[in-house]
């Protein structure tokens, strides 16, 4: 899938390649980190690639958060539902690490869109989730962008 996304991005005119990176960054499991790498490998300016991947990831995450918030309000209106064992495990981690910790570390396990929707379903503040997810998305995108540039530079030196 990543290769197909890279080929799609490379097929776009140089003026629109940032859009391909942004669309890739919006896809769960691709996100800002793989989107940044994809853009850099496709020849997009590293700063443009990281910014485009981050923006795409942020937009899709916000959509997930807002939808999850509405679904939670609708589902919890006057009802109490028992939690599944998996949900209990996720809630314990959420309670242990909080919104900031889950946002920053959660991308090692699940996409930011899913992580943020889960936090909202647990009752976390929409504003806190969105804020910390944006910080996390930026950090992951920049970190992987730097690694991609260093890797491309290392390969070019060989």
Protein backbone atom coordinates (compact mmCIF):
# COMPACT_ATOMS: atom_id res chain seq x y z
CA UNK A 1 0.00 0.00 0.00
CA UNK A 2 2.80 2.44 0.88
CA UNK A 3 4.47 1.78 -2.46
CA UNK A 4 1.18 2.44 -4.27
CA UNK A 5 0.77 5.70 -2.37
CA UNK A 6 4.34 6.69 -3.21
CA UNK A 7 3.78 5.92 -6.90
CA UNK A 8 0.54 7.92 -6.82
CA UNK A 9 2.33 10.88 -5.25
CA UNK A 10 5.19 10.68 -7.75
CA UNK A 11 2.68 10.59 -10.63
CA UNK A 12 1.25 13.97 -9.63
CA UNK A 13 2.70 17.17 -10.99
CA UNK A 14 5.33 18.68 -8.67
CA UNK A 15 2.87 21.44 -7.76
CA UNK A 16 0.33 18.84 -6.50
CA UNK A 17 2.57 16.25 -4.87
CA UNK A 18 1.96 17.84 -1.48
CA UNK A 19 -1.73 16.95 -1.94
CA UNK A 20 -0.84 13.28 -2.45
CA UNK A 21 1.22 13.36 0.75
CA UNK A 22 -1.63 15.08 2.60
CA UNK A 23 -4.11 12.43 1.44
CA UNK A 24 -1.71 9.67 2.49
CA UNK A 25 -1.27 11.27 5.92
CA UNK A 26 -5.04 11.19 6.41
CA UNK A 27 -5.14 7.39 6.11
CA UNK A 28 -5.09 5.50 9.43
CA UNK A 29 -1.89 3.45 9.85
CA UNK A 30 -0.11 5.70 7.30
CA UNK A 31 -0.49 8.92 9.32
CA UNK A 32 2.04 11.73 9.59
CA UNK A 33 5.05 9.50 10.17
CA UNK A 34 4.71 7.24 7.11
CA UNK A 35 3.24 10.09 5.06
CA UNK A 36 6.33 12.20 5.75
CA UNK A 37 8.62 9.38 4.69
CA UNK A 38 6.51 8.65 1.62
CA UNK A 39 6.66 12.29 0.52
CA UNK A 40 10.40 12.56 1.05
CA UNK A 41 11.04 9.34 -0.87
CA UNK A 42 8.78 10.63 -3.65
CA UNK A 43 11.03 13.68 -3.96
CA UNK A 44 8.85 16.25 -2.21
CA UNK A 45 10.74 18.94 -0.27
CA UNK A 46 11.10 17.50 3.27
CA UNK A 47 9.47 20.50 4.97
CA UNK A 48 6.53 20.38 2.56
CA UNK A 49 6.24 16.60 2.95
CA UNK A 50 6.15 16.77 6.75
CA UNK A 51 3.70 19.68 6.84
CA UNK A 52 1.39 18.03 4.27
CA UNK A 53 1.43 14.68 6.08
CA UNK A 54 0.77 16.37 9.44
CA UNK A 55 -2.11 18.45 8.05
CA UNK A 56 -3.72 15.39 6.45
CA UNK A 57 -3.37 13.39 9.67
CA UNK A 58 -4.71 16.24 11.82
CA UNK A 59 -7.75 16.77 9.61
CA UNK A 60 -8.71 13.10 9.63
CA UNK A 61 -8.08 12.80 13.39
CA UNK A 62 -10.34 15.80 14.10
CA UNK A 63 -13.11 14.24 12.00
CA UNK A 64 -12.77 10.99 13.99
CA UNK A 65 -12.83 12.88 17.31
CA UNK A 66 -15.91 14.89 16.42
CA UNK A 67 -17.78 11.82 15.15
CA UNK A 68 -16.76 9.82 18.24
CA UNK A 69 -17.94 12.65 20.47
CA UNK A 70 -21.36 12.69 18.84
CA UNK A 71 -21.63 8.90 18.94
CA UNK A 72 -20.69 8.86 22.62
CA UNK A 73 -23.32 11.45 23.48
CA UNK A 74 -25.95 9.48 21.57
CA UNK A 75 -24.91 6.11 23.02
CA UNK A 76 -24.67 7.24 26.64
CA UNK A 77 -27.88 9.25 26.73
CA UNK A 78 -29.56 7.63 29.73
CA UNK A 79 -27.86 4.23 29.37
CA UNK A 80 -25.08 2.34 31.03
CA UNK A 81 -23.47 -0.52 29.10
CA UNK A 82 -21.02 -3.04 30.62
CA UNK A 83 -17.49 -2.82 29.26
CA UNK A 84 -15.85 -5.67 27.36
CA UNK A 85 -12.55 -7.09 28.71
CA UNK A 86 -10.63 -5.37 25.91
CA UNK A 87 -12.27 -2.04 26.70
CA UNK A 88 -11.46 -2.48 30.41
CA UNK A 89 -7.79 -3.02 29.48
CA UNK A 90 -7.80 0.10 27.28
CA UNK A 91 -9.49 2.13 30.02
CA UNK A 92 -6.83 1.08 32.55
CA UNK A 93 -4.09 2.29 30.20
CA UNK A 94 -5.99 5.49 29.58
CA UNK A 95 -6.42 6.07 33.32
CA UNK A 96 -2.73 5.33 33.92
CA UNK A 97 -1.25 7.55 31.18
CA UNK A 98 -3.94 10.19 30.65
CA UNK A 99 -4.71 12.03 27.45
CA UNK A 100 -1.14 13.31 26.98
CA UNK A 101 0.53 9.93 27.51
CA UNK A 102 -1.93 8.01 25.35
CA UNK A 103 -1.66 10.64 22.61
CA UNK A 104 2.14 10.63 22.58
CA UNK A 105 2.63 6.88 22.98
CA UNK A 106 -0.58 5.52 21.49
CA UNK A 107 0.66 5.82 17.92
CA UNK A 108 3.07 2.99 18.60
CA UNK A 109 0.06 0.68 18.90
CA UNK A 110 -2.91 2.23 17.07
CA UNK A 111 -3.47 5.06 14.60
CA UNK A 112 -4.15 8.49 16.06
CA UNK A 113 -7.67 8.44 14.66
CA UNK A 114 -8.58 5.27 16.56
CA UNK A 115 -6.69 6.27 19.71
CA UNK A 116 -8.42 9.65 19.81
CA UNK A 117 -11.86 8.11 19.23
CA UNK A 118 -11.25 5.65 22.09
CA UNK A 119 -10.20 8.45 24.45
CA UNK A 120 -13.32 10.43 23.58
CA UNK A 121 -15.45 7.32 24.15
CA UNK A 122 -13.95 7.12 27.64
CA UNK A 123 -15.17 10.64 28.28
CA UNK A 124 -11.96 12.62 27.70
CA UNK A 125 -12.36 16.27 26.76
CA UNK A 126 -12.58 16.80 23.00
CA UNK A 127 -10.34 19.84 23.32
CA UNK A 128 -7.67 17.95 25.30
CA UNK A 129 -7.71 15.01 22.91
CA UNK A 130 -7.45 17.22 19.83
CA UNK A 131 -4.70 19.36 21.36
CA UNK A 132 -2.52 16.47 22.52
CA UNK A 133 -3.10 14.50 19.33
CA UNK A 134 -1.93 17.49 17.28
CA UNK A 135 1.23 17.68 19.39
CA UNK A 136 1.79 13.94 18.94
CA UNK A 137 1.11 14.00 15.19
CA UNK A 138 3.60 16.85 14.72
CA UNK A 139 6.28 15.15 16.81
CA UNK A 140 5.92 11.79 15.04
CA UNK A 141 5.81 13.42 11.59
CA UNK A 142 8.90 15.55 12.24
CA UNK A 143 10.83 12.65 13.80
CA UNK A 144 10.16 10.31 10.89
CA UNK A 145 10.78 13.12 8.40
CA UNK A 146 14.21 13.69 9.91
CA UNK A 147 14.95 9.96 9.85
CA UNK A 148 13.87 9.78 6.20
CA UNK A 149 16.10 12.72 5.22
CA UNK A 150 19.05 11.18 7.07
CA UNK A 151 18.37 7.83 5.39
CA UNK A 152 18.09 9.36 1.92
CA UNK A 153 21.27 11.36 2.51
CA UNK A 154 23.08 8.24 3.74
CA UNK A 155 22.00 6.29 0.66
CA UNK A 156 23.09 9.13 -1.62
CA UNK A 157 26.54 9.13 0.00
CA UNK A 158 27.05 5.43 -0.75
